[in-house]
PDB file of N, CA and C in Angstrom:
ATOM      1  N   MET A   1      60.386  60.507 138.532  1.00  0.00           N
ATOM      2  CA  MET A   1      60.684  61.652 139.337  1.00  0.00           C
ATOM      3  C   MET A   1      61.238  61.192 140.669  1.00  0.00           C
ATOM      4  N   ILE A   2      61.988  62.048 141.296  1.00  0.00           N
ATOM      5  CA  ILE A   2      62.473  61.778 142.650  1.00  0.00           C
ATOM      6  C   ILE A   2      61.740  62.728 143.578  1.00  0.00           C
ATOM      7  N   ILE A   3      61.290  62.204 144.720  1.00  0.00           N
ATOM      8  CA  ILE A   3      60.540  62.980 145.696  1.00  0.00           C
ATOM      9  C   ILE A   3      61.253  62.901 147.036  1.00  0.00           C
ATOM     10  N   CYS A   4      61.376  64.038 147.726  1.00  0.00           N
ATOM     11  CA  CYS A   4      61.954  64.082 149.067  1.00  0.00           C
ATOM     12  C   CYS A   4      60.978  64.793 149.987  1.00  0.00           C
ATOM     13  N   LEU A   5      60.671  64.185 151.117  1.00  0.00           N
ATOM     14  CA  LEU A   5      59.783  64.789 152.103  1.00  0.00           C
ATOM     15  C   LEU A   5      60.520  64.918 153.421  1.00  0.00           C
ATOM     16  N   PHE A   6      60.280  66.027 154.116  1.00  0.00           N
ATOM     17  CA  PHE A   6      61.015  66.347 155.336  1.00  0.00           C
ATOM     18  C   PHE A   6      60.047  66.959 156.329  1.00  0.00           C
ATOM     19  N   ARG A   7      59.955  66.403 157.509  1.00  0.00           N
ATOM     20  CA  ARG A   7      58.975  66.842 158.495  1.00  0.00           C
ATOM     21  C   ARG A   7      59.433  68.062 159.286  1.00  0.00           C
ATOM     22  N   ASN A   8      60.729  68.273 159.454  1.00  0.00           N
ATOM     23  CA  ASN A   8      61.206  69.224 160.451  1.00  0.00           C
ATOM     24  C   ASN A   8      61.757  70.543 159.941  1.00  0.00           C
ATOM     25  N   SER A   9      61.796  70.784 158.652  1.00  0.00           N
ATOM     26  CA  SER A   9      62.452  72.001 158.210  1.00  0.00           C
ATOM     27  C   SER A   9      61.853  72.483 156.900  1.00  0.00           C
ATOM     28  N   CYS A  10      62.526  73.457 156.285  1.00  0.00           N
ATOM     29  CA  CYS A  10      62.030  74.043 155.048  1.00  0.00           C
ATOM     30  C   CYS A  10      62.775  73.463 153.844  1.00  0.00           C
ATOM     31  N   THR A  11      62.300  73.809 152.664  1.00  0.00           N
ATOM     32  CA  THR A  11      62.890  73.260 151.449  1.00  0.00           C
ATOM     33  C   THR A  11      64.308  73.764 151.203  1.00  0.00           C
ATOM     34  N   GLU A  12      64.654  74.916 151.750  1.00  0.00           N
ATOM     35  CA  GLU A  12      66.020  75.412 151.563  1.00  0.00           C
ATOM     36  C   GLU A  12      67.039  74.403 152.088  1.00  0.00           C
ATOM     37  N   GLU A  13      66.727  73.781 153.209  1.00  0.00           N
ATOM     38  CA  GLU A  13      67.630  72.775 153.768  1.00  0.00           C
ATOM     39  C   GLU A  13      67.705  71.541 152.872  1.00  0.00           C
ATOM     40  N   LEU A  14      66.562  71.114 152.334  1.00  0.00           N
ATOM     41  CA  LEU A  14      66.545  69.959 151.428  1.00  0.00           C
ATOM     42  C   LEU A  14      67.375  70.246 150.176  1.00  0.00           C
ATOM     43  N   VAL A  15      67.179  71.420 149.582  1.00  0.00           N
ATOM     44  CA  VAL A  15      67.923  71.781 148.373  1.00  0.00           C
ATOM     45  C   VAL A  15      69.411  71.890 148.685  1.00  0.00           C
ATOM     46  N   GLY A  16      69.751  72.357 149.892  1.00  0.00           N
ATOM     47  CA  GLY A  16      71.152  72.426 150.299  1.00  0.00           C
ATOM     48  C   GLY A  16      71.813  71.063 150.302  1.00  0.00           C
ATOM     49  N   TYR A  17      71.090  70.051 150.754  1.00  0.00           N
ATOM     50  CA  TYR A  17      71.611  68.681 150.716  1.00  0.00           C
ATOM     51  C   TYR A  17      71.702  68.177 149.276  1.00  0.00           C
ATOM     52  N   LEU A  18      70.681  68.463 148.490  1.00  0.00           N
ATOM     53  CA  LEU A  18      70.549  67.882 147.161  1.00  0.00           C
ATOM     54  C   LEU A  18      71.636  68.353 146.196  1.00  0.00           C
ATOM     55  N   GLY A  19      71.935  69.643 146.193  1.00  0.00           N
ATOM     56  CA  GLY A  19      72.995  70.143 145.325  1.00  0.00           C
ATOM     57  C   GLY A  19      72.532  70.616 143.958  1.00  0.00           C
ATOM     58  N   PHE A  20      71.244  70.531 143.639  1.00  0.00           N
ATOM     59  CA  PHE A  20      70.705  71.065 142.393  1.00  0.00           C
ATOM     60  C   PHE A  20      69.272  71.513 142.637  1.00  0.00           C
ATOM     61  N   GLU A  21      68.762  72.332 141.735  1.00  0.00           N
ATOM     62  CA  GLU A  21      67.435  72.922 141.913  1.00  0.00           C
ATOM     63  C   GLU A  21      66.337  71.927 141.502  1.00  0.00           C
ATOM     64  N   PRO A  22      65.375  71.684 142.398  1.00  0.00           N
ATOM     65  CA  PRO A  22      64.258  70.796 142.045  1.00  0.00           C
ATOM     66  C   PRO A  22      63.282  71.509 141.106  1.00  0.00           C
ATOM     67  N   THR A  23      62.394  70.748 140.508  1.00  0.00           N
ATOM     68  CA  THR A  23      61.388  71.342 139.627  1.00  0.00           C
ATOM     69  C   THR A  23      60.173  71.832 140.404  1.00  0.00           C
ATOM     70  N   GLU A  24      60.003  71.366 141.643  1.00  0.00           N
ATOM     71  CA  GLU A  24      58.889  71.805 142.488  1.00  0.00           C
ATOM     72  C   GLU A  24      59.327  71.740 143.943  1.00  0.00           C
ATOM     73  N   ARG A  25      58.791  72.656 144.757  1.00  0.00           N
ATOM     74  CA  ARG A  25      59.094  72.649 146.192  1.00  0.00           C
ATOM     75  C   ARG A  25      57.946  73.276 146.980  1.00  0.00           C
ATOM     76  N   TRP A  26      57.814  72.867 148.252  1.00  0.00           N
ATOM     77  CA  TRP A  26      56.832  73.461 149.154  1.00  0.00           C
ATOM     78  C   TRP A  26      57.327  73.299 150.582  1.00  0.00           C
ATOM     79  N   ASN A  27      56.776  74.118 151.495  1.00  0.00           N
ATOM     80  CA  ASN A  27      57.144  74.087 152.907  1.00  0.00           C
ATOM     81  C   ASN A  27      55.970  73.648 153.765  1.00  0.00           C
ATOM     82  N   ILE A  28      56.273  73.203 154.976  1.00  0.00           N
ATOM     83  CA  ILE A  28      55.240  72.872 155.950  1.00  0.00           C
ATOM     84  C   ILE A  28      54.295  74.062 156.066  1.00  0.00           C
ATOM     85  N   ASN A  29      53.014  73.778 156.145  1.00  0.00           N
ATOM     86  CA  ASN A  29      51.933  74.759 156.311  1.00  0.00           C
ATOM     87  C   ASN A  29      51.623  75.573 155.058  1.00  0.00           C
ATOM     88  N   ASP A  30      52.331  75.359 153.943  1.00  0.00           N
ATOM     89  CA  ASP A  30      51.914  75.988 152.685  1.00  0.00           C
ATOM     90  C   ASP A  30      50.556  75.421 152.305  1.00  0.00           C
ATOM     91  N   LYS A  31      49.749  76.233 151.647  1.00  0.00           N
ATOM     92  CA  LYS A  31      48.435  75.762 151.214  1.00  0.00           C
ATOM     93  C   LYS A  31      48.572  74.819 150.026  1.00  0.00           C
ATOM     94  N   THR A  32      47.738  73.778 150.024  1.00  0.00           N
ATOM     95  CA  THR A  32      47.677  72.876 148.880  1.00  0.00           C
ATOM     96  C   THR A  32      46.703  73.447 147.860  1.00  0.00           C
ATOM     97  N   LYS A  33      46.671  72.883 146.679  1.00  0.00           N
ATOM     98  CA  LYS A  33      45.743  73.372 145.663  1.00  0.00           C
ATOM     99  C   LYS A  33      44.283  73.083 146.020  1.00  0.00           C
ATOM    100  N   PHE A  34      44.080  72.228 147.025  1.00  0.00           N
ATOM    101  CA  PHE A  34      42.725  71.903 147.460  1.00  0.00           C
ATOM    102  C   PHE A  34      42.318  72.670 148.723  1.00  0.00           C
ATOM    103  N   GLY A  35      43.172  73.599 149.185  1.00  0.00           N
ATOM    104  CA  GLY A  35      42.830  74.434 150.328  1.00  0.00           C
ATOM    105  C   GLY A  35      43.336  73.946 151.674  1.00  0.00           C
ATOM    106  N   GLY A  36      43.912  72.764 151.725  1.00  0.00           N
ATOM    107  CA  GLY A  36      44.476  72.253 152.976  1.00  0.00           C
ATOM    108  C   GLY A  36      45.862  72.825 153.218  1.00  0.00           C
ATOM    109  N   LYS A  37      46.524  72.331 154.241  1.00  0.00           N
ATOM    110  CA  LYS A  37      47.891  72.757 154.537  1.00  0.00           C
ATOM    111  C   LYS A  37      48.828  71.566 154.448  1.00  0.00           C
ATOM    112  N   ARG A  38      50.023  71.806 153.951  1.00  0.00           N
ATOM    113  CA  ARG A  38      51.042  70.763 153.844  1.00  0.00           C
ATOM    114  C   ARG A  38      51.506  70.343 155.230  1.00  0.00           C
ATOM    115  N   LYS A  39      51.664  69.049 155.445  1.00  0.00           N
ATOM    116  CA  LYS A  39      52.134  68.526 156.731  1.00  0.00           C
ATOM    117  C   LYS A  39      53.648  68.339 156.759  1.00  0.00           C
ATOM    118  N   LYS A  40      54.278  68.364 155.584  1.00  0.00           N
ATOM    119  CA  LYS A  40      55.729  68.200 155.468  1.00  0.00           C
ATOM    120  C   LYS A  40      56.249  69.140 154.394  1.00  0.00           C
ATOM    121  N   SER A  41      57.513  69.496 154.509  1.00  0.00           N
ATOM    122  CA  SER A  41      58.179  70.193 153.412  1.00  0.00           C
ATOM    123  C   SER A  41      58.562  69.150 152.374  1.00  0.00           C
ATOM    124  N   GLY A  42      58.700  69.568 151.127  1.00  0.00           N
ATOM    125  CA  GLY A  42      59.055  68.596 150.116  1.00  0.00           C
ATOM    126  C   GLY A  42      59.607  69.219 148.853  1.00  0.00           C
ATOM    127  N   ILE A  43      60.299  68.400 148.105  1.00  0.00           N
ATOM    128  CA  ILE A  43      60.801  68.799 146.796  1.00  0.00           C
ATOM    129  C   ILE A  43      60.572  67.654 145.820  1.00  0.00           C
ATOM    130  N   ILE A  44      60.429  68.015 144.567  1.00  0.00           N
ATOM    131  CA  ILE A  44      60.280  67.043 143.486  1.00  0.00           C
ATOM    132  C   ILE A  44      61.249  67.425 142.386  1.00  0.00           C
ATOM    133  N   TYR A  45      61.923  66.429 141.842  1.00  0.00           N
ATOM    134  CA  TYR A  45      62.752  66.642 140.661  1.00  0.00           C
ATOM    135  C   TYR A  45      62.198  65.744 139.570  1.00  0.00           C
ATOM    136  N   GLN A  46      61.646  66.372 138.541  1.00  0.00           N
ATOM    137  CA  GLN A  46      61.059  65.642 137.420  1.00  0.00           C
ATOM    138  C   GLN A  46      61.633  66.229 136.133  1.00  0.00           C
ATOM    139  N   PRO A  47      62.731  65.655 135.639  1.00  0.00           N
ATOM    140  CA  PRO A  47      63.405  66.256 134.487  1.00  0.00           C
ATOM    141  C   PRO A  47      62.660  66.094 133.166  1.00  0.00           C
ATOM    142  N   ILE A  48      61.745  65.151 133.081  1.00  0.00           N
ATOM    143  CA  ILE A  48      61.039  64.903 131.820  1.00  0.00           C
ATOM    144  C   ILE A  48      59.562  65.214 132.024  1.00  0.00           C
ATOM    145  N   GLU A  49      59.091  66.292 131.438  1.00  0.00           N
ATOM    146  CA  GLU A  49      57.697  66.703 131.585  1.00  0.00           C
ATOM    147  C   GLU A  49      56.757  65.873 130.709  1.00  0.00           C
ATOM    148  N   LYS A  50      57.231  65.480 129.541  1.00  0.00           N
ATOM    149  CA  LYS A  50      56.387  64.754 128.596  1.00  0.00           C
ATOM    150  C   LYS A  50      55.960  63.412 129.192  1.00  0.00           C
ATOM    151  N   LYS A  51      54.665  63.111 129.135  1.00  0.00           N
ATOM    152  CA  LYS A  51      54.162  61.891 129.765  1.00  0.00           C
ATOM    153  C   LYS A  51      54.327  60.646 128.904  1.00  0.00           C
ATOM    154  N   THR A  52      54.411  60.799 127.587  1.00  0.00           N
ATOM    155  CA  THR A  52      54.506  59.612 126.739  1.00  0.00           C
ATOM    156  C   THR A  52      55.953  59.157 126.617  1.00  0.00           C
ATOM    157  N   GLY A  53      56.127  57.881 126.372  1.00  0.00           N
ATOM    158  CA  GLY A  53      57.467  57.336 126.203  1.00  0.00           C
ATOM    159  C   GLY A  53      57.643  56.064 127.005  1.00  0.00           C
ATOM    160  N   GLU A  54      58.740  55.397 126.777  1.00  0.00           N
ATOM    161  CA  GLU A  54      59.037  54.138 127.454  1.00  0.00           C
ATOM    162  C   GLU A  54      59.502  54.392 128.887  1.00  0.00           C
ATOM    163  N   VAL A  55      58.953  53.661 129.830  1.00  0.00           N
ATOM    164  CA  VAL A  55      59.320  53.800 131.238  1.00  0.00           C
ATOM    165  C   VAL A  55      60.808  53.569 131.433  1.00  0.00           C
ATOM    166  N   GLU A  56      61.330  52.555 130.771  1.00  0.00           N
ATOM    167  CA  GLU A  56      62.742  52.222 130.917  1.00  0.00           C
ATOM    168  C   GLU A  56      63.632  53.388 130.474  1.00  0.00           C
ATOM    169  N   ASP A  57      63.243  54.055 129.376  1.00  0.00           N
ATOM    170  CA  ASP A  57      64.022  55.201 128.890  1.00  0.00           C
ATOM    171  C   ASP A  57      63.967  56.358 129.882  1.00  0.00           C
ATOM    172  N   LYS A  58      62.796  56.604 130.429  1.00  0.00           N
ATOM    173  CA  LYS A  58      62.647  57.697 131.388  1.00  0.00           C
ATOM    174  C   LYS A  58      63.426  57.413 132.672  1.00  0.00           C
ATOM    175  N   LEU A  59      63.377  56.176 133.146  1.00  0.00           N
ATOM    176  CA  LEU A  59      64.106  55.821 134.361  1.00  0.00           C
ATOM    177  C   LEU A  59      65.615  55.920 134.116  1.00  0.00           C
ATOM    178  N   THR A  60      66.072  55.451 132.977  1.00  0.00           N
ATOM    179  CA  THR A  60      67.499  55.552 132.639  1.00  0.00           C
ATOM    180  C   THR A  60      67.923  57.019 132.596  1.00  0.00           C
ATOM    181  N   ASN A  61      67.115  57.870 131.980  1.00  0.00           N
ATOM    182  CA  ASN A  61      67.423  59.296 131.907  1.00  0.00           C
ATOM    183  C   ASN A  61      67.490  59.905 133.312  1.00  0.00           C
ATOM    184  N   LEU A  62      66.520  59.586 134.169  1.00  0.00           N
ATOM    185  CA  LEU A  62      66.511  60.108 135.534  1.00  0.00           C
ATOM    186  C   LEU A  62      67.745  59.659 136.299  1.00  0.00           C
ATOM    187  N   LEU A  63      68.073  58.372 136.207  1.00  0.00           N
ATOM    188  CA  LEU A  63      69.244  57.858 136.918  1.00  0.00           C
ATOM    189  C   LEU A  63      70.535  58.490 136.408  1.00  0.00           C
ATOM    190  N   ASN A  64      70.637  58.691 135.102  1.00  0.00           N
ATOM    191  CA  ASN A  64      71.827  59.344 134.552  1.00  0.00           C
ATOM    192  C   ASN A  64      71.977  60.767 135.071  1.00  0.00           C
ATOM    193  N   ARG A  65      70.862  61.469 135.261  1.00  0.00           N
ATOM    194  CA  ARG A  65      70.909  62.828 135.787  1.00  0.00           C
ATOM    195  C   ARG A  65      71.215  62.851 137.283  1.00  0.00           C
ATOM    196  N   LEU A  66      70.781  61.822 138.007  1.00  0.00           N
ATOM    197  CA  LEU A  66      70.976  61.791 139.461  1.00  0.00           C
ATOM    198  C   LEU A  66      72.316  61.191 139.877  1.00  0.00           C
ATOM    199  N   LEU A  67      72.891  60.331 139.068  1.00  0.00           N
ATOM    200  CA  LEU A  67      74.119  59.626 139.430  1.00  0.00           C
ATOM    201  C   LEU A  67      75.257  60.557 139.874  1.00  0.00           C
ATOM    202  N   PRO A  68      75.471  61.704 139.234  1.00  0.00           N
ATOM    203  CA  PRO A  68      76.538  62.597 139.718  1.00  0.00           C
ATOM    204  C   PRO A  68      76.282  63.132 141.138  1.00  0.00           C
ATOM    205  N   TYR A  69      75.058  63.028 141.621  1.00  0.00           N
ATOM    206  CA  TYR A  69      74.693  63.533 142.943  1.00  0.00           C
ATOM    207  C   TYR A  69      74.424  62.417 143.947  1.00  0.00           C
ATOM    208  N   LYS A  70      74.961  61.226 143.696  1.00  0.00           N
ATOM    209  CA  LYS A  70      74.636  60.081 144.559  1.00  0.00           C
ATOM    210  C   LYS A  70      75.055  60.306 146.008  1.00  0.00           C
ATOM    211  N   GLU A  71      76.188  60.956 146.253  1.00  0.00           N
ATOM    212  CA  GLU A  71      76.612  61.210 147.634  1.00  0.00           C
ATOM    213  C   GLU A  71      75.677  62.197 148.314  1.00  0.00           C
ATOM    214  N   GLU A  72      75.272  63.243 147.600  1.00  0.00           N
ATOM    215  CA  GLU A  72      74.355  64.229 148.151  1.00  0.00           C
ATOM    216  C   GLU A  72      73.003  63.589 148.472  1.00  0.00           C
ATOM    217  N   ILE A  73      72.514  62.748 147.560  1.00  0.00           N
ATOM    218  CA  ILE A  73      71.224  62.089 147.774  1.00  0.00           C
ATOM    219  C   ILE A  73      71.320  61.117 148.943  1.00  0.00           C
ATOM    220  N   SER A  74      72.449  60.446 149.085  1.00  0.00           N
ATOM    221  CA  SER A  74      72.655  59.543 150.212  1.00  0.00           C
ATOM    222  C   SER A  74      72.600  60.310 151.537  1.00  0.00           C
ATOM    223  N   LYS A  75      73.253  61.468 151.600  1.00  0.00           N
ATOM    224  CA  LYS A  75      73.212  62.290 152.814  1.00  0.00           C
ATOM    225  C   LYS A  75      71.800  62.798 153.080  1.00  0.00           C
ATOM    226  N   LEU A  76      71.103  63.181 152.016  1.00  0.00           N
ATOM    227  CA  LEU A  76      69.727  63.647 152.156  1.00  0.00           C
ATOM    228  C   LEU A  76      68.836  62.550 152.705  1.00  0.00           C
ATOM    229  N   SER A  77      69.072  61.305 152.293  1.00  0.00           N
ATOM    230  CA  SER A  77      68.231  60.199 152.752  1.00  0.00           C
ATOM    231  C   SER A  77      68.403  59.917 154.250  1.00  0.00           C
ATOM    232  N   ASP A  78      69.468  60.455 154.857  1.00  0.00           N
ATOM    233  CA  ASP A  78      69.639  60.315 156.304  1.00  0.00           C
ATOM    234  C   ASP A  78      68.684  61.212 157.087  1.00  0.00           C
ATOM    235  N   VAL A  79      68.202  62.292 156.465  1.00  0.00           N
ATOM    236  CA  VAL A  79      67.344  63.252 157.183  1.00  0.00           C
ATOM    237  C   VAL A  79      65.943  63.368 156.592  1.00  0.00           C
ATOM    238  N   ALA A  80      65.721  62.788 155.413  1.00  0.00           N
ATOM    239  CA  ALA A  80      64.426  62.935 154.743  1.00  0.00           C
ATOM    240  C   ALA A  80      64.042  61.628 154.071  1.00  0.00           C
ATOM    241  N   SER A  81      62.774  61.522 153.759  1.00  0.00           N
ATOM    242  CA  SER A  81      62.276  60.392 152.984  1.00  0.00           C
ATOM    243  C   SER A  81      62.577  60.663 151.513  1.00  0.00           C
ATOM    244  N   VAL A  82      63.332  59.772 150.869  1.00  0.00           N
ATOM    245  CA  VAL A  82      63.704  59.944 149.468  1.00  0.00           C
ATOM    246  C   VAL A  82      63.168  58.741 148.702  1.00  0.00           C
ATOM    247  N   GLU A  83      62.465  59.009 147.602  1.00  0.00           N
ATOM    248  CA  GLU A  83      61.925  57.898 146.815  1.00  0.00           C
ATOM    249  C   GLU A  83      61.923  58.255 145.343  1.00  0.00           C
ATOM    250  N   ILE A  84      61.950  57.246 144.518  1.00  0.00           N
ATOM    251  CA  ILE A  84      61.757  57.411 143.076  1.00  0.00           C
ATOM    252  C   ILE A  84      60.356  56.905 142.783  1.00  0.00           C
ATOM    253  N   GLN A  85      59.567  57.726 142.104  1.00  0.00           N
ATOM    254  CA  GLN A  85      58.191  57.361 141.792  1.00  0.00           C
ATOM    255  C   GLN A  85      58.053  57.192 140.294  1.00  0.00           C
ATOM    256  N   VAL A  86      57.463  56.081 139.889  1.00  0.00           N
ATOM    257  CA  VAL A  86      57.172  55.820 138.488  1.00  0.00           C
ATOM    258  C   VAL A  86      55.652  55.734 138.359  1.00  0.00           C
ATOM    259  N   THR A  87      55.103  56.595 137.505  1.00  0.00           N
ATOM    260  CA  THR A  87      53.665  56.581 137.249  1.00  0.00           C
ATOM    261  C   THR A  87      53.448  56.093 135.832  1.00  0.00           C
ATOM    262  N   TYR A  88      52.536  55.168 135.674  1.00  0.00           N
ATOM    263  CA  TYR A  88      52.296  54.560 134.371  1.00  0.00           C
ATOM    264  C   TYR A  88      50.875  54.865 133.920  1.00  0.00           C
ATOM    265  N   TYR A  89      50.738  55.447 132.744  1.00  0.00           N
ATOM    266  CA  TYR A  89      49.430  55.732 132.158  1.00  0.00           C
ATOM    267  C   TYR A  89      49.257  54.838 130.941  1.00  0.00           C
ATOM    268  N   GLY A  90      48.104  54.200 130.837  1.00  0.00           N
ATOM    269  CA  GLY A  90      47.865  53.345 129.685  1.00  0.00           C
ATOM    270  C   GLY A  90      46.421  52.880 129.654  1.00  0.00           C
ATOM    271  N   TYR A  91      46.079  52.193 128.610  1.00  0.00           N
ATOM    272  CA  TYR A  91      44.745  51.644 128.474  1.00  0.00           C
ATOM    273  C   TYR A  91      44.712  50.233 129.037  1.00  0.00           C
ATOM    274  N   LYS A  92      43.527  49.752 129.321  1.00  0.00           N
ATOM    275  CA  LYS A  92      43.330  48.447 129.961  1.00  0.00           C
ATOM    276  C   LYS A  92      44.152  47.334 129.302  1.00  0.00           C
ATOM    277  N   ASP A  93      44.132  47.255 127.994  1.00  0.00           N
ATOM    278  CA  ASP A  93      44.836  46.175 127.300  1.00  0.00           C
ATOM    279  C   ASP A  93      46.324  46.459 127.102  1.00  0.00           C
ATOM    280  N   GLU A  94      46.784  47.619 127.567  1.00  0.00           N
ATOM    281  CA  GLU A  94      48.197  47.969 127.420  1.00  0.00           C
ATOM    282  C   GLU A  94      48.931  47.963 128.757  1.00  0.00           C
ATOM    283  N   MET A  95      48.364  47.427 129.778  1.00  0.00           N
ATOM    284  CA  MET A  95      48.941  47.499 131.125  1.00  0.00           C
ATOM    285  C   MET A  95      49.793  46.265 131.419  1.00  0.00           C
ATOM    286  N   TRP A  96      50.902  46.150 130.724  1.00  0.00           N
ATOM    287  CA  TRP A  96      51.838  45.068 130.987  1.00  0.00           C
ATOM    288  C   TRP A  96      52.885  45.543 131.985  1.00  0.00           C
ATOM    289  N   GLY A  97      53.731  44.685 132.419  1.00  0.00           N
ATOM    290  CA  GLY A  97      54.729  45.024 133.432  1.00  0.00           C
ATOM    291  C   GLY A  97      55.901  45.812 132.881  1.00  0.00           C
ATOM    292  N   PHE A  98      56.768  46.229 133.779  1.00  0.00           N
ATOM    293  CA  PHE A  98      57.984  46.949 133.415  1.00  0.00           C
ATOM    294  C   PHE A  98      59.111  45.950 133.201  1.00  0.00           C
ATOM    295  N   HIS A  99      60.029  46.309 132.340  1.00  0.00           N
ATOM    296  CA  HIS A  99      61.233  45.508 132.158  1.00  0.00           C
ATOM    297  C   HIS A  99      62.424  46.398 132.458  1.00  0.00           C
ATOM    298  N   PHE A 100      63.210  46.037 133.463  1.00  0.00           N
ATOM    299  CA  PHE A 100      64.420  46.777 133.786  1.00  0.00           C
ATOM    300  C   PHE A 100      65.604  45.869 133.484  1.00  0.00           C
ATOM    301  N   ASP A 101      66.406  46.292 132.506  1.00  0.00           N
ATOM    302  CA  ASP A 101      67.565  45.484 132.153  1.00  0.00           C
ATOM    303  C   ASP A 101      68.655  45.617 133.211  1.00  0.00           C
ATOM    304  N   LYS A 102      69.738  44.863 133.059  1.00  0.00           N
ATOM    305  CA  LYS A 102      70.764  44.835 134.097  1.00  0.00           C
ATOM    306  C   LYS A 102      71.464  46.178 134.247  1.00  0.00           C
ATOM    307  N   LYS A 103      71.512  47.003 133.210  1.00  0.00           N
ATOM    308  CA  LYS A 103      72.119  48.336 133.333  1.00  0.00           C
ATOM    309  C   LYS A 103      71.311  49.207 134.295  1.00  0.00           C
ATOM    310  N   ILE A 104      69.994  49.181 134.169  1.00  0.00           N
ATOM    311  CA  ILE A 104      69.132  49.966 135.058  1.00  0.00           C
ATOM    312  C   ILE A 104      69.245  49.447 136.484  1.00  0.00           C
ATOM    313  N   ILE A 105      69.191  48.139 136.653  1.00  0.00           N
ATOM    314  CA  ILE A 105      69.267  47.553 137.994  1.00  0.00           C
ATOM    315  C   ILE A 105      70.603  47.890 138.656  1.00  0.00           C
ATOM    316  N   LYS A 106      71.667  47.866 137.877  1.00  0.00           N
ATOM    317  CA  LYS A 106      72.980  48.212 138.424  1.00  0.00           C
ATOM    318  C   LYS A 106      73.008  49.667 138.871  1.00  0.00           C
ATOM    319  N   LYS A 107      72.438  50.571 138.079  1.00  0.00           N
ATOM    320  CA  LYS A 107      72.402  51.981 138.468  1.00  0.00           C
ATOM    321  C   LYS A 107      71.562  52.196 139.713  1.00  0.00           C
ATOM    322  N   LEU A 108      70.472  51.447 139.838  1.00  0.00           N
ATOM    323  CA  LEU A 108      69.638  51.559 141.043  1.00  0.00           C
ATOM    324  C   LEU A 108      70.372  51.097 142.292  1.00  0.00           C
ATOM    325  N   SER A 109      71.302  50.186 142.138  1.00  0.00           N
ATOM    326  CA  SER A 109      71.998  49.628 143.302  1.00  0.00           C
ATOM    327  C   SER A 109      73.193  50.467 143.754  1.00  0.00           C
ATOM    328  N   ILE A 110      73.577  51.448 142.971  1.00  0.00           N
ATOM    329  CA  ILE A 110      74.757  52.262 143.313  1.00  0.00           C
ATOM    330  C   ILE A 110      74.441  53.218 144.436  1.00  0.00           C
TER     331      ILE A 110
END
C-alpha cells in the first residue's frame, strides 16, 4: 500500500495532488477507531485487499498501478510524507526475507 500523511491540510488537497481516488482517507481531528483524534490528514491506496500471496507479486502490482502517476506522486512528496508499506504475515518458521528482482528495483528507482 502507499500511504501519504499531511500535517497542514485536508485530504481533498492530497487527492488533488495524487490524481486518483485512494481506498481510505481521513482529516486532522477526525476520530480514530480507538476514540482519539487524528494528528495529521492522510490517505491510503491499497489496491489488493487479499492478504495472502507473494510479496513480490503484490509490490509489482502496486508499482504497475502507481507508475502512470509518478509525476503526481513526486509533486505530492514535496508537501507530504509519502511511503510504501509492506506488511508480512507468516508463521515463525516461514519468516524468510524478501526477494526483489531487478525489474522491481528498477521500478522503485523511477
